[in-house]
Amino acid sequence: MLEKKLLFPGSVLDIYVILQDDRSEVGEFIDHLTSPDLGQFSRLRDHLNHHGILMNVSKFRNEGNGIYALKTQHTRIYGFFDSPRSFVLALGFKKGGKGGWKVERRYWERACEIRELLRTNEA
């Protein structure tokens, strides 16, 4: 069963993670980020929390179907808006290596699946 957990409360947007069986895949991914990606993610998260959507598409971009990518130098974290004040982080991954856009597409598809599963569980 999937559920949301508030991870980063903010004045404009609250940021949640997905829990499945009391475990958060994206939360664990964030916990293992190292410099410079951790610092870059923290700045992006703070901006979302206190100022709302980033207008810089090189850092925050709609990847299609309502899935957004928070981008750092070496990582991508996919998420979606669950309400006007709620952004849910679905999953994260390190970019690069073999596979390129095909690998990113698989993660995007998984983020879409997670969003639909969450909506089904909340209904």
PDB file of N, CA and C in Angstrom:
ATOM      1  N   MET A   1       0.839  -1.184   0.000  1.00  0.00           N
ATOM      2  CA  MET A   1       0.000   0.000   0.000  1.00  0.00           C
ATOM      3  C   MET A   1       0.883   1.247   0.000  1.00  0.00           C
ATOM      4  N   LEU A   2       0.528   2.202  -0.840  1.00  0.00           N
ATOM      5  CA  LEU A   2       1.272   3.451  -0.926  1.00  0.00           C
ATOM      6  C   LEU A   2       0.607   4.526  -0.086  1.00  0.00           C
ATOM      7  N   GLU A   3       1.446   5.377   0.489  1.00  0.00           N
ATOM      8  CA  GLU A   3       0.934   6.534   1.212  1.00  0.00           C
ATOM      9  C   GLU A   3       1.952   7.661   1.123  1.00  0.00           C
ATOM     10  N   LYS A   4       1.473   8.881   1.410  1.00  0.00           N
ATOM     11  CA  LYS A   4       2.339  10.051   1.391  1.00  0.00           C
ATOM     12  C   LYS A   4       2.811  10.356   2.806  1.00  0.00           C
ATOM     13  N   LYS A   5       4.045  10.856   2.893  1.00  0.00           N
ATOM     14  CA  LYS A   5       4.580  11.312   4.175  1.00  0.00           C
ATOM     15  C   LYS A   5       5.199  12.687   3.952  1.00  0.00           C
ATOM     16  N   LEU A   6       4.819  13.639   4.796  1.00  0.00           N
ATOM     17  CA  LEU A   6       5.374  14.985   4.704  1.00  0.00           C
ATOM     18  C   LEU A   6       6.842  14.950   5.097  1.00  0.00           C
ATOM     19  N   LEU A   7       7.699  15.401   4.194  1.00  0.00           N
ATOM     20  CA  LEU A   7       9.133  15.390   4.448  1.00  0.00           C
ATOM     21  C   LEU A   7       9.678  16.794   4.658  1.00  0.00           C
ATOM     22  N   PHE A   8       9.213  17.748   3.834  1.00  0.00           N
ATOM     23  CA  PHE A   8       9.704  19.120   3.903  1.00  0.00           C
ATOM     24  C   PHE A   8       8.520  20.084   3.872  1.00  0.00           C
ATOM     25  N   PRO A   9       8.029  20.529   5.044  1.00  0.00           N
ATOM     26  CA  PRO A   9       6.941  21.507   5.030  1.00  0.00           C
ATOM     27  C   PRO A   9       7.467  22.868   4.563  1.00  0.00           C
ATOM     28  N   GLY A  10       6.614  23.612   3.884  1.00  0.00           N
ATOM     29  CA  GLY A  10       7.030  24.911   3.380  1.00  0.00           C
ATOM     30  C   GLY A  10       5.911  25.927   3.465  1.00  0.00           C
ATOM     31  N   SER A  11       6.268  27.193   3.255  1.00  0.00           N
ATOM     32  CA  SER A  11       5.273  28.258   3.318  1.00  0.00           C
ATOM     33  C   SER A  11       4.439  28.330   2.039  1.00  0.00           C
ATOM     34  N   VAL A  12       4.967  27.847   0.915  1.00  0.00           N
ATOM     35  CA  VAL A  12       4.239  27.865  -0.355  1.00  0.00           C
ATOM     36  C   VAL A  12       3.858  26.451  -0.774  1.00  0.00           C
ATOM     37  N   LEU A  13       4.809  25.527  -0.729  1.00  0.00           N
ATOM     38  CA  LEU A  13       4.571  24.132  -1.110  1.00  0.00           C
ATOM     39  C   LEU A  13       5.086  23.197  -0.029  1.00  0.00           C
ATOM     40  N   ASP A  14       4.312  22.169   0.251  1.00  0.00           N
ATOM     41  CA  ASP A  14       4.784  21.084   1.103  1.00  0.00           C
ATOM     42  C   ASP A  14       5.300  19.979   0.190  1.00  0.00           C
ATOM     43  N   ILE A  15       6.423  19.383   0.579  1.00  0.00           N
ATOM     44  CA  ILE A  15       7.014  18.319  -0.234  1.00  0.00           C
ATOM     45  C   ILE A  15       6.876  16.993   0.511  1.00  0.00           C
ATOM     46  N   TYR A  16       6.302  16.026  -0.185  1.00  0.00           N
ATOM     47  CA  TYR A  16       6.039  14.708   0.382  1.00  0.00           C
ATOM     48  C   TYR A  16       6.893  13.659  -0.316  1.00  0.00           C
ATOM     49  N   VAL A  17       7.036  12.518   0.328  1.00  0.00           N
ATOM     50  CA  VAL A  17       7.632  11.342  -0.294  1.00  0.00           C
ATOM     51  C   VAL A  17       6.599  10.221  -0.259  1.00  0.00           C
ATOM     52  N   ILE A  18       6.821   9.238  -1.071  1.00  0.00           N
ATOM     53  CA  ILE A  18       5.956   8.057  -1.133  1.00  0.00           C
ATOM     54  C   ILE A  18       6.521   6.991  -0.200  1.00  0.00           C
ATOM     55  N   LEU A  19       5.652   6.443   0.633  1.00  0.00           N
ATOM     56  CA  LEU A  19       6.022   5.306   1.476  1.00  0.00           C
ATOM     57  C   LEU A  19       5.321   4.060   0.951  1.00  0.00           C
ATOM     58  N   GLN A  20       6.079   2.988   0.840  1.00  0.00           N
ATOM     59  CA  GLN A  20       5.501   1.689   0.522  1.00  0.00           C
ATOM     60  C   GLN A  20       6.045   0.715   1.551  1.00  0.00           C
ATOM     61  N   ASP A  21       5.151   0.143   2.336  1.00  0.00           N
ATOM     62  CA  ASP A  21       5.537  -0.752   3.430  1.00  0.00           C
ATOM     63  C   ASP A  21       6.517  -0.050   4.374  1.00  0.00           C
ATOM     64  N   ASP A  22       6.193   1.183   4.746  1.00  0.00           N
ATOM     65  CA  ASP A  22       6.996   2.017   5.667  1.00  0.00           C
ATOM     66  C   ASP A  22       8.413   2.263   5.166  1.00  0.00           C
ATOM     67  N   ARG A  23       8.616   2.228   3.877  1.00  0.00           N
ATOM     68  CA  ARG A  23       9.928   2.469   3.273  1.00  0.00           C
ATOM     69  C   ARG A  23       9.759   3.455   2.128  1.00  0.00           C
ATOM     70  N   SER A  24      10.671   4.414   2.046  1.00  0.00           N
ATOM     71  CA  SER A  24      10.618   5.401   0.981  1.00  0.00           C
ATOM     72  C   SER A  24      11.852   5.260   0.091  1.00  0.00           C
ATOM     73  N   GLU A  25      11.634   4.801  -1.128  1.00  0.00           N
ATOM     74  CA  GLU A  25      12.730   4.652  -2.079  1.00  0.00           C
ATOM     75  C   GLU A  25      13.387   6.001  -2.365  1.00  0.00           C
ATOM     76  N   VAL A  26      12.574   7.017  -2.608  1.00  0.00           N
ATOM     77  CA  VAL A  26      13.145   8.337  -2.918  1.00  0.00           C
ATOM     78  C   VAL A  26      13.770   8.969  -1.680  1.00  0.00           C
ATOM     79  N   GLY A  27      13.206   8.720  -0.507  1.00  0.00           N
ATOM     80  CA  GLY A  27      13.807   9.225   0.733  1.00  0.00           C
ATOM     81  C   GLY A  27      15.192   8.645   0.959  1.00  0.00           C
ATOM     82  N   GLU A  28      15.332   7.354   0.712  1.00  0.00           N
ATOM     83  CA  GLU A  28      16.641   6.711   0.839  1.00  0.00           C
ATOM     84  C   GLU A  28      17.616   7.242  -0.206  1.00  0.00           C
ATOM     85  N   PHE A  29      17.126   7.500  -1.418  1.00  0.00           N
ATOM     86  CA  PHE A  29      17.973   8.065  -2.462  1.00  0.00           C
ATOM     87  C   PHE A  29      18.493   9.436  -2.028  1.00  0.00           C
ATOM     88  N   ILE A  30      17.613  10.274  -1.488  1.00  0.00           N
ATOM     89  CA  ILE A  30      18.009  11.613  -1.032  1.00  0.00           C
ATOM     90  C   ILE A  30      19.010  11.509   0.116  1.00  0.00           C
ATOM     91  N   ASP A  31      18.788  10.568   1.037  1.00  0.00           N
ATOM     92  CA  ASP A  31      19.701  10.384   2.174  1.00  0.00           C
ATOM     93  C   ASP A  31      21.112  10.024   1.727  1.00  0.00           C
ATOM     94  N   HIS A  32      21.243   9.406   0.558  1.00  0.00           N
ATOM     95  CA  HIS A  32      22.560   8.982   0.080  1.00  0.00           C
ATOM     96  C   HIS A  32      23.185   9.939  -0.928  1.00  0.00           C
ATOM     97  N   LEU A  33      22.548  11.091  -1.169  1.00  0.00           N
ATOM     98  CA  LEU A  33      23.154  12.080  -2.064  1.00  0.00           C
ATOM     99  C   LEU A  33      24.419  12.639  -1.433  1.00  0.00           C
ATOM    100  N   THR A  34      25.393  12.931  -2.275  1.00  0.00           N
ATOM    101  CA  THR A  34      26.647  13.521  -1.807  1.00  0.00           C
ATOM    102  C   THR A  34      26.867  14.850  -2.534  1.00  0.00           C
ATOM    103  N   SER A  35      27.884  15.587  -2.109  1.00  0.00           N
ATOM    104  CA  SER A  35      28.212  16.853  -2.769  1.00  0.00           C
ATOM    105  C   SER A  35      28.602  16.571  -4.201  1.00  0.00           C
ATOM    106  N   PRO A  36      28.286  17.421  -5.132  1.00  0.00           N
ATOM    107  CA  PRO A  36      27.535  18.668  -5.017  1.00  0.00           C
ATOM    108  C   PRO A  36      26.031  18.478  -5.141  1.00  0.00           C
ATOM    109  N   ASP A  37      25.589  17.238  -5.430  1.00  0.00           N
ATOM    110  CA  ASP A  37      24.163  17.013  -5.671  1.00  0.00           C
ATOM    111  C   ASP A  37      23.289  17.289  -4.454  1.00  0.00           C
ATOM    112  N   LEU A  38      23.772  16.984  -3.258  1.00  0.00           N
ATOM    113  CA  LEU A  38      22.987  17.237  -2.053  1.00  0.00           C
ATOM    114  C   LEU A  38      22.735  18.730  -1.883  1.00  0.00           C
ATOM    115  N   GLY A  39      23.762  19.531  -2.059  1.00  0.00           N
ATOM    116  CA  GLY A  39      23.602  20.984  -1.941  1.00  0.00           C
ATOM    117  C   GLY A  39      22.672  21.541  -3.001  1.00  0.00           C
ATOM    118  N   GLN A  40      22.812  21.053  -4.229  1.00  0.00           N
ATOM    119  CA  GLN A  40      21.948  21.520  -5.313  1.00  0.00           C
ATOM    120  C   GLN A  40      20.502  21.116  -5.057  1.00  0.00           C
ATOM    121  N   PHE A  41      20.286  19.884  -4.609  1.00  0.00           N
ATOM    122  CA  PHE A  41      18.928  19.445  -4.303  1.00  0.00           C
ATOM    123  C   PHE A  41      18.339  20.275  -3.167  1.00  0.00           C
ATOM    124  N   SER A  42      19.129  20.558  -2.137  1.00  0.00           N
ATOM    125  CA  SER A  42      18.638  21.341  -1.001  1.00  0.00           C
ATOM    126  C   SER A  42      18.188  22.734  -1.442  1.00  0.00           C
ATOM    127  N   ARG A  43      18.949  23.353  -2.337  1.00  0.00           N
ATOM    128  CA  ARG A  43      18.562  24.683  -2.834  1.00  0.00           C
ATOM    129  C   ARG A  43      17.276  24.611  -3.665  1.00  0.00           C
ATOM    130  N   LEU A  44      17.147  23.583  -4.505  1.00  0.00           N
ATOM    131  CA  LEU A  44      15.924  23.417  -5.287  1.00  0.00           C
ATOM    132  C   LEU A  44      14.726  23.179  -4.369  1.00  0.00           C
ATOM    133  N   ARG A  45      14.905  22.322  -3.383  1.00  0.00           N
ATOM    134  CA  ARG A  45      13.841  22.017  -2.428  1.00  0.00           C
ATOM    135  C   ARG A  45      13.427  23.258  -1.659  1.00  0.00           C
ATOM    136  N   ASP A  46      14.400  24.041  -1.184  1.00  0.00           N
ATOM    137  CA  ASP A  46      14.082  25.265  -0.444  1.00  0.00           C
ATOM    138  C   ASP A  46      13.302  26.246  -1.314  1.00  0.00           C
ATOM    139  N   HIS A  47      13.689  26.346  -2.586  1.00  0.00           N
ATOM    140  CA  HIS A  47      12.973  27.256  -3.485  1.00  0.00           C
ATOM    141  C   HIS A  47      11.530  26.800  -3.654  1.00  0.00           C
ATOM    142  N   LEU A  48      11.318  25.499  -3.891  1.00  0.00           N
ATOM    143  CA  LEU A  48       9.959  24.980  -4.009  1.00  0.00           C
ATOM    144  C   LEU A  48       9.160  25.230  -2.736  1.00  0.00           C
ATOM    145  N   ASN A  49       9.755  24.949  -1.592  1.00  0.00           N
ATOM    146  CA  ASN A  49       9.066  25.121  -0.310  1.00  0.00           C
ATOM    147  C   ASN A  49       8.606  26.551  -0.076  1.00  0.00           C
ATOM    148  N   HIS A  50       9.469  27.504  -0.363  1.00  0.00           N
ATOM    149  CA  HIS A  50       9.209  28.879   0.074  1.00  0.00           C
ATOM    150  C   HIS A  50       8.888  29.869  -1.034  1.00  0.00           C
ATOM    151  N   HIS A  51       9.095  29.475  -2.315  1.00  0.00           N
ATOM    152  CA  HIS A  51       8.812  30.393  -3.419  1.00  0.00           C
ATOM    153  C   HIS A  51       7.935  29.772  -4.492  1.00  0.00           C
ATOM    154  N   GLY A  52       7.769  28.468  -4.477  1.00  0.00           N
ATOM    155  CA  GLY A  52       6.944  27.794  -5.475  1.00  0.00           C
ATOM    156  C   GLY A  52       7.760  27.279  -6.652  1.00  0.00           C
ATOM    157  N   ILE A  53       7.089  27.126  -7.763  1.00  0.00           N
ATOM    158  CA  ILE A  53       7.676  26.510  -8.954  1.00  0.00           C
ATOM    159  C   ILE A  53       8.880  27.292  -9.448  1.00  0.00           C
ATOM    160  N   LEU A  54       9.934  26.568  -9.775  1.00  0.00           N
ATOM    161  CA  LEU A  54      11.118  27.181 -10.375  1.00  0.00           C
ATOM    162  C   LEU A  54      10.843  27.433 -11.848  1.00  0.00           C
ATOM    163  N   MET A  55      11.258  28.574 -12.340  1.00  0.00           N
ATOM    164  CA  MET A  55      11.055  28.894 -13.752  1.00  0.00           C
ATOM    165  C   MET A  55      12.232  28.468 -14.617  1.00  0.00           C
ATOM    166  N   ASN A  56      13.312  28.017 -14.004  1.00  0.00           N
ATOM    167  CA  ASN A  56      14.504  27.589 -14.724  1.00  0.00           C
ATOM    168  C   ASN A  56      14.317  26.141 -15.177  1.00  0.00           C
ATOM    169  N   VAL A  57      14.051  25.933 -16.485  1.00  0.00           N
ATOM    170  CA  VAL A  57      13.777  24.577 -16.970  1.00  0.00           C
ATOM    171  C   VAL A  57      15.008  23.680 -16.930  1.00  0.00           C
ATOM    172  N   SER A  58      16.185  24.255 -16.742  1.00  0.00           N
ATOM    173  CA  SER A  58      17.365  23.395 -16.605  1.00  0.00           C
ATOM    174  C   SER A  58      17.446  22.784 -15.205  1.00  0.00           C
ATOM    175  N   LYS A  59      16.611  23.257 -14.281  1.00  0.00           N
ATOM    176  CA  LYS A  59      16.590  22.732 -12.911  1.00  0.00           C
ATOM    177  C   LYS A  59      15.258  22.075 -12.531  1.00  0.00           C
ATOM    178  N   PHE A  60      14.169  22.512 -13.171  1.00  0.00           N
ATOM    179  CA  PHE A  60      12.833  21.993 -12.853  1.00  0.00           C
ATOM    180  C   PHE A  60      12.033  22.015 -14.145  1.00  0.00           C
ATOM    181  N   ARG A  61      11.643  20.829 -14.607  1.00  0.00           N
ATOM    182  CA  ARG A  61      11.017  20.762 -15.923  1.00  0.00           C
ATOM    183  C   ARG A  61       9.876  19.764 -15.940  1.00  0.00           C
ATOM    184  N   ASN A  62       8.800  20.142 -16.638  1.00  0.00           N
ATOM    185  CA  ASN A  62       7.692  19.221 -16.870  1.00  0.00           C
ATOM    186  C   ASN A  62       8.141  18.236 -17.941  1.00  0.00           C
ATOM    187  N   GLU A  63       8.274  16.980 -17.549  1.00  0.00           N
ATOM    188  CA  GLU A  63       8.738  15.940 -18.462  1.00  0.00           C
ATOM    189  C   GLU A  63       7.592  15.317 -19.245  1.00  0.00           C
ATOM    190  N   GLY A  64       6.381  15.781 -18.994  1.00  0.00           N
ATOM    191  CA  GLY A  64       5.208  15.250 -19.679  1.00  0.00           C
ATOM    192  C   GLY A  64       4.298  14.504 -18.733  1.00  0.00           C
ATOM    193  N   ASN A  65       3.004  14.543 -19.017  1.00  0.00           N
ATOM    194  CA  ASN A  65       2.000  13.812 -18.243  1.00  0.00           C
ATOM    195  C   ASN A  65       1.993  14.227 -16.770  1.00  0.00           C
ATOM    196  N   GLY A  66       2.370  15.486 -16.494  1.00  0.00           N
ATOM    197  CA  GLY A  66       2.340  15.983 -15.121  1.00  0.00           C
ATOM    198  C   GLY A  66       3.479  15.524 -14.241  1.00  0.00           C
ATOM    199  N   ILE A  67       4.490  14.909 -14.819  1.00  0.00           N
ATOM    200  CA  ILE A  67       5.665  14.475 -14.063  1.00  0.00           C
ATOM    201  C   ILE A  67       6.765  15.527 -14.251  1.00  0.00           C
ATOM    202  N   TYR A  68       7.310  15.992 -13.132  1.00  0.00           N
ATOM    203  CA  TYR A  68       8.344  17.025 -13.148  1.00  0.00           C
ATOM    204  C   TYR A  68       9.675  16.434 -12.697  1.00  0.00           C
ATOM    205  N   ALA A  69      10.758  16.976 -13.236  1.00  0.00           N
ATOM    206  CA  ALA A  69      12.100  16.533 -12.856  1.00  0.00           C
ATOM    207  C   ALA A  69      12.801  17.657 -12.116  1.00  0.00           C
ATOM    208  N   LEU A  70      13.267  17.355 -10.906  1.00  0.00           N
ATOM    209  CA  LEU A  70      14.206  18.226 -10.192  1.00  0.00           C
ATOM    210  C   LEU A  70      15.585  17.769 -10.635  1.00  0.00           C
ATOM    211  N   LYS A  71      16.353  18.692 -11.191  1.00  0.00           N
ATOM    212  CA  LYS A  71      17.623  18.306 -11.805  1.00  0.00           C
ATOM    213  C   LYS A  71      18.805  18.898 -11.053  1.00  0.00           C
ATOM    214  N   THR A  72      19.758  18.040 -10.724  1.00  0.00           N
ATOM    215  CA  THR A  72      21.036  18.488 -10.206  1.00  0.00           C
ATOM    216  C   THR A  72      22.093  18.068 -11.224  1.00  0.00           C
ATOM    217  N   GLN A  73      23.332  18.271 -10.884  1.00  0.00           N
ATOM    218  CA  GLN A  73      24.403  17.970 -11.831  1.00  0.00           C
ATOM    219  C   GLN A  73      24.399  16.507 -12.277  1.00  0.00           C
ATOM    220  N   HIS A  74      24.205  15.594 -11.328  1.00  0.00           N
ATOM    221  CA  HIS A  74      24.301  14.163 -11.645  1.00  0.00           C
ATOM    222  C   HIS A  74      23.041  13.366 -11.367  1.00  0.00           C
ATOM    223  N   THR A  75      21.988  14.004 -10.888  1.00  0.00           N
ATOM    224  CA  THR A  75      20.794  13.250 -10.501  1.00  0.00           C
ATOM    225  C   THR A  75      19.527  13.859 -11.069  1.00  0.00           C
ATOM    226  N   ARG A  76      18.500  13.037 -11.074  1.00  0.00           N
ATOM    227  CA  ARG A  76      17.148  13.465 -11.404  1.00  0.00           C
ATOM    228  C   ARG A  76      16.234  12.905 -10.329  1.00  0.00           C
ATOM    229  N   ILE A  77      15.313  13.735  -9.871  1.00  0.00           N
ATOM    230  CA  ILE A  77      14.282  13.284  -8.946  1.00  0.00           C
ATOM    231  C   ILE A  77      12.946  13.643  -9.574  1.00  0.00           C
ATOM    232  N   TYR A  78      12.136  12.621  -9.858  1.00  0.00           N
ATOM    233  CA  TYR A  78      10.835  12.830 -10.481  1.00  0.00           C
ATOM    234  C   TYR A  78       9.767  12.974  -9.409  1.00  0.00           C
ATOM    235  N   GLY A  79       8.833  13.863  -9.671  1.00  0.00           N
ATOM    236  CA  GLY A  79       7.725  14.087  -8.760  1.00  0.00           C
ATOM    237  C   GLY A  79       6.522  14.638  -9.503  1.00  0.00           C
ATOM    238  N   PHE A  80       5.464  14.923  -8.742  1.00  0.00           N
ATOM    239  CA  PHE A  80       4.228  15.430  -9.336  1.00  0.00           C
ATOM    240  C   PHE A  80       3.463  16.231  -8.292  1.00  0.00           C
ATOM    241  N   PHE A  81       2.550  17.067  -8.785  1.00  0.00           N
ATOM    242  CA  PHE A  81       1.698  17.847  -7.893  1.00  0.00           C
ATOM    243  C   PHE A  81       0.475  17.016  -7.555  1.00  0.00           C
ATOM    244  N   ASP A  82       0.233  16.852  -6.254  1.00  0.00           N
ATOM    245  CA  ASP A  82      -0.934  16.122  -5.786  1.00  0.00           C
ATOM    246  C   ASP A  82      -2.083  17.076  -5.490  1.00  0.00           C
ATOM    247  N   SER A  83      -1.737  18.331  -5.254  1.00  0.00           N
ATOM    248  CA  SER A  83      -2.688  19.418  -5.050  1.00  0.00           C
ATOM    249  C   SER A  83      -1.915  20.709  -5.308  1.00  0.00           C
ATOM    250  N   PRO A  84      -2.588  21.856  -5.316  1.00  0.00           N
ATOM    251  CA  PRO A  84      -1.851  23.103  -5.575  1.00  0.00           C
ATOM    252  C   PRO A  84      -0.730  23.393  -4.569  1.00  0.00           C
ATOM    253  N   ARG A  85      -0.819  22.856  -3.347  1.00  0.00           N
ATOM    254  CA  ARG A  85       0.211  23.105  -2.331  1.00  0.00           C
ATOM    255  C   ARG A  85       1.013  21.858  -1.971  1.00  0.00           C
ATOM    256  N   SER A  86       0.890  20.816  -2.755  1.00  0.00           N
ATOM    257  CA  SER A  86       1.502  19.537  -2.409  1.00  0.00           C
ATOM    258  C   SER A  86       2.284  18.977  -3.601  1.00  0.00           C
ATOM    259  N   PHE A  87       3.611  18.835  -3.426  1.00  0.00           N
ATOM    260  CA  PHE A  87       4.460  18.229  -4.448  1.00  0.00           C
ATOM    261  C   PHE A  87       5.002  16.925  -3.877  1.00  0.00           C
ATOM    262  N   VAL A  88       4.813  15.836  -4.609  1.00  0.00           N
ATOM    263  CA  VAL A  88       5.195  14.505  -4.142  1.00  0.00           C
ATOM    264  C   VAL A  88       6.415  14.019  -4.926  1.00  0.00           C
ATOM    265  N   LEU A  89       7.492  13.688  -4.203  1.00  0.00           N
ATOM    266  CA  LEU A  89       8.681  13.113  -4.827  1.00  0.00           C
ATOM    267  C   LEU A  89       8.444  11.624  -5.015  1.00  0.00           C
ATOM    268  N   ALA A  90       8.555  11.160  -6.249  1.00  0.00           N
ATOM    269  CA  ALA A  90       8.230   9.760  -6.545  1.00  0.00           C
ATOM    270  C   ALA A  90       9.459   8.861  -6.537  1.00  0.00           C
ATOM    271  N   LEU A  91      10.517   9.264  -7.236  1.00  0.00           N
ATOM    272  CA  LEU A  91      11.723   8.448  -7.272  1.00  0.00           C
ATOM    273  C   LEU A  91      12.885   9.270  -7.801  1.00  0.00           C
ATOM    274  N   GLY A  92      14.082   8.794  -7.495  1.00  0.00           N
ATOM    275  CA  GLY A  92      15.287   9.486  -7.937  1.00  0.00           C
ATOM    276  C   GLY A  92      16.278   8.511  -8.526  1.00  0.00           C
ATOM    277  N   PHE A  93      17.182   9.049  -9.350  1.00  0.00           N
ATOM    278  CA  PHE A  93      18.208   8.207  -9.955  1.00  0.00           C
ATOM    279  C   PHE A  93      19.384   9.067 -10.380  1.00  0.00           C
ATOM    280  N   LYS A  94      20.528   8.416 -10.516  1.00  0.00           N
ATOM    281  CA  LYS A  94      21.719   9.081 -11.031  1.00  0.00           C
ATOM    282  C   LYS A  94      21.676   9.024 -12.545  1.00  0.00           C
ATOM    283  N   LYS A  95      21.933  10.160 -13.175  1.00  0.00           N
ATOM    284  CA  LYS A  95      21.914  10.175 -14.635  1.00  0.00           C
ATOM    285  C   LYS A  95      23.274   9.785 -15.183  1.00  0.00           C
ATOM    286  N   GLY A  96      23.305   9.570 -16.475  1.00  0.00           N
ATOM    287  CA  GLY A  96      24.557   9.195 -17.112  1.00  0.00           C
ATOM    288  C   GLY A  96      24.670   7.699 -17.241  1.00  0.00           C
ATOM    289  N   GLY A  97      25.832   7.273 -17.643  1.00  0.00           N
ATOM    290  CA  GLY A  97      26.036   5.841 -17.827  1.00  0.00           C
ATOM    291  C   GLY A  97      25.408   5.368 -19.111  1.00  0.00           C
ATOM    292  N   LYS A  98      25.174   4.089 -19.186  1.00  0.00           N
ATOM    293  CA  LYS A  98      24.622   3.506 -20.407  1.00  0.00           C
ATOM    294  C   LYS A  98      23.107   3.622 -20.417  1.00  0.00           C
ATOM    295  N   GLY A  99      22.566   3.802 -21.589  1.00  0.00           N
ATOM    296  CA  GLY A  99      21.116   3.812 -21.744  1.00  0.00           C
ATOM    297  C   GLY A  99      20.550   5.179 -22.057  1.00  0.00           C
ATOM    298  N   GLY A 100      21.131   6.239 -21.488  1.00  0.00           N
ATOM    299  CA  GLY A 100      20.712   7.606 -21.778  1.00  0.00           C
ATOM    300  C   GLY A 100      19.230   7.844 -21.599  1.00  0.00           C
ATOM    301  N   TRP A 101      18.602   8.397 -22.633  1.00  0.00           N
ATOM    302  CA  TRP A 101      17.203   8.794 -22.535  1.00  0.00           C
ATOM    303  C   TRP A 101      16.278   7.599 -22.347  1.00  0.00           C
ATOM    304  N   LYS A 102      16.682   6.416 -22.788  1.00  0.00           N
ATOM    305  CA  LYS A 102      15.837   5.232 -22.600  1.00  0.00           C
ATOM    306  C   LYS A 102      15.698   4.892 -21.125  1.00  0.00           C
ATOM    307  N   VAL A 103      16.801   5.025 -20.398  1.00  0.00           N
ATOM    308  CA  VAL A 103      16.764   4.765 -18.951  1.00  0.00           C
ATOM    309  C   VAL A 103      15.901   5.814 -18.269  1.00  0.00           C
ATOM    310  N   GLU A 104      16.105   7.091 -18.632  1.00  0.00           N
ATOM    311  CA  GLU A 104      15.299   8.156 -18.040  1.00  0.00           C
ATOM    312  C   GLU A 104      13.822   7.936 -18.349  1.00  0.00           C
ATOM    313  N   ARG A 105      13.490   7.454 -19.515  1.00  0.00           N
ATOM    314  CA  ARG A 105      12.101   7.201 -19.893  1.00  0.00           C
ATOM    315  C   ARG A 105      11.487   6.116 -19.006  1.00  0.00           C
ATOM    316  N   ARG A 106      12.257   5.086 -18.693  1.00  0.00           N
ATOM    317  CA  ARG A 106      11.742   4.031 -17.803  1.00  0.00           C
ATOM    318  C   ARG A 106      11.444   4.588 -16.415  1.00  0.00           C
ATOM    319  N   TYR A 107      12.312   5.457 -15.908  1.00  0.00           N
ATOM    320  CA  TYR A 107      12.049   6.078 -14.610  1.00  0.00           C
ATOM    321  C   TYR A 107      10.825   6.976 -14.680  1.00  0.00           C
ATOM    322  N   TRP A 108      10.665   7.709 -15.777  1.00  0.00           N
ATOM    323  CA  TRP A 108       9.492   8.566 -15.960  1.00  0.00           C
ATOM    324  C   TRP A 108       8.218   7.713 -15.955  1.00  0.00           C
ATOM    325  N   GLU A 109       8.254   6.583 -16.662  1.00  0.00           N
ATOM    326  CA  GLU A 109       7.091   5.690 -16.693  1.00  0.00           C
ATOM    327  C   GLU A 109       6.778   5.161 -15.301  1.00  0.00           C
ATOM    328  N   ARG A 110       7.818   4.843 -14.540  1.00  0.00           N
ATOM    329  CA  ARG A 110       7.608   4.358 -13.160  1.00  0.00           C
ATOM    330  C   ARG A 110       7.002   5.461 -12.291  1.00  0.00           C
ATOM    331  N   ALA A 111       7.431   6.712 -12.482  1.00  0.00           N
ATOM    332  CA  ALA A 111       6.857   7.835 -11.734  1.00  0.00           C
ATOM    333  C   ALA A 111       5.370   7.990 -12.065  1.00  0.00           C
ATOM    334  N   CYS A 112       5.004   7.807 -13.327  1.00  0.00           N
ATOM    335  CA  CYS A 112       3.586   7.849 -13.721  1.00  0.00           C
ATOM    336  C   CYS A 112       2.803   6.743 -13.016  1.00  0.00           C
ATOM    337  N   GLU A 113       3.384   5.550 -12.967  1.00  0.00           N
ATOM    338  CA  GLU A 113       2.726   4.425 -12.289  1.00  0.00           C
ATOM    339  C   GLU A 113       2.536   4.711 -10.800  1.00  0.00           C
ATOM    340  N   ILE A 114       3.564   5.263 -10.163  1.00  0.00           N
ATOM    341  CA  ILE A 114       3.476   5.582  -8.732  1.00  0.00           C
ATOM    342  C   ILE A 114       2.360   6.595  -8.485  1.00  0.00           C
ATOM    343  N   ARG A 115       2.270   7.617  -9.341  1.00  0.00           N
ATOM    344  CA  ARG A 115       1.211   8.620  -9.169  1.00  0.00           C
ATOM    345  C   ARG A 115      -0.160   7.970  -9.274  1.00  0.00           C
ATOM    346  N   GLU A 116      -0.352   7.099 -10.260  1.00  0.00           N
ATOM    347  CA  GLU A 116      -1.648   6.447 -10.428  1.00  0.00           C
ATOM    348  C   GLU A 116      -1.964   5.518  -9.258  1.00  0.00           C
ATOM    349  N   LEU A 117      -0.964   4.792  -8.767  1.00  0.00           N
ATOM    350  CA  LEU A 117      -1.181   3.926  -7.600  1.00  0.00           C
ATOM    351  C   LEU A 117      -1.566   4.741  -6.378  1.00  0.00           C
ATOM    352  N   LEU A 118      -0.921   5.881  -6.180  1.00  0.00           N
ATOM    353  CA  LEU A 118      -1.252   6.739  -5.036  1.00  0.00           C
ATOM    354  C   LEU A 118      -2.685   7.254  -5.157  1.00  0.00           C
ATOM    355  N   ARG A 119      -3.058   7.676  -6.333  1.00  0.00           N
ATOM    356  CA  ARG A 119      -4.439   8.178  -6.537  1.00  0.00           C
ATOM    357  C   ARG A 119      -5.454   7.070  -6.327  1.00  0.00           C
ATOM    358  N   THR A 120      -5.133   5.852  -6.748  1.00  0.00           N
ATOM    359  CA  THR A 120      -6.037   4.726  -6.542  1.00  0.00           C
ATOM    360  C   THR A 120      -6.196   4.426  -5.056  1.00  0.00           C
ATOM    361  N   ASN A 121      -5.062   4.480  -4.313  1.00  0.00           N
ATOM    362  CA  ASN A 121      -5.116   4.202  -2.866  1.00  0.00           C
ATOM    363  C   ASN A 121      -5.876   5.277  -2.113  1.00  0.00           C
ATOM    364  N   GLU A 122      -5.806   6.528  -2.585  1.00  0.00           N
ATOM    365  CA  GLU A 122      -6.487   7.615  -1.885  1.00  0.00           C
ATOM    366  C   GLU A 122      -7.977   7.646  -2.202  1.00  0.00           C
ATOM    367  N   ALA A 123      -8.386   7.009  -3.290  1.00  0.00           N
ATOM    368  CA  ALA A 123      -9.788   7.038  -3.697  1.00  0.00           C
ATOM    369  C   ALA A 123     -10.653   6.112  -2.866  1.00  0.00           C
TER     370      ALA A 123
END
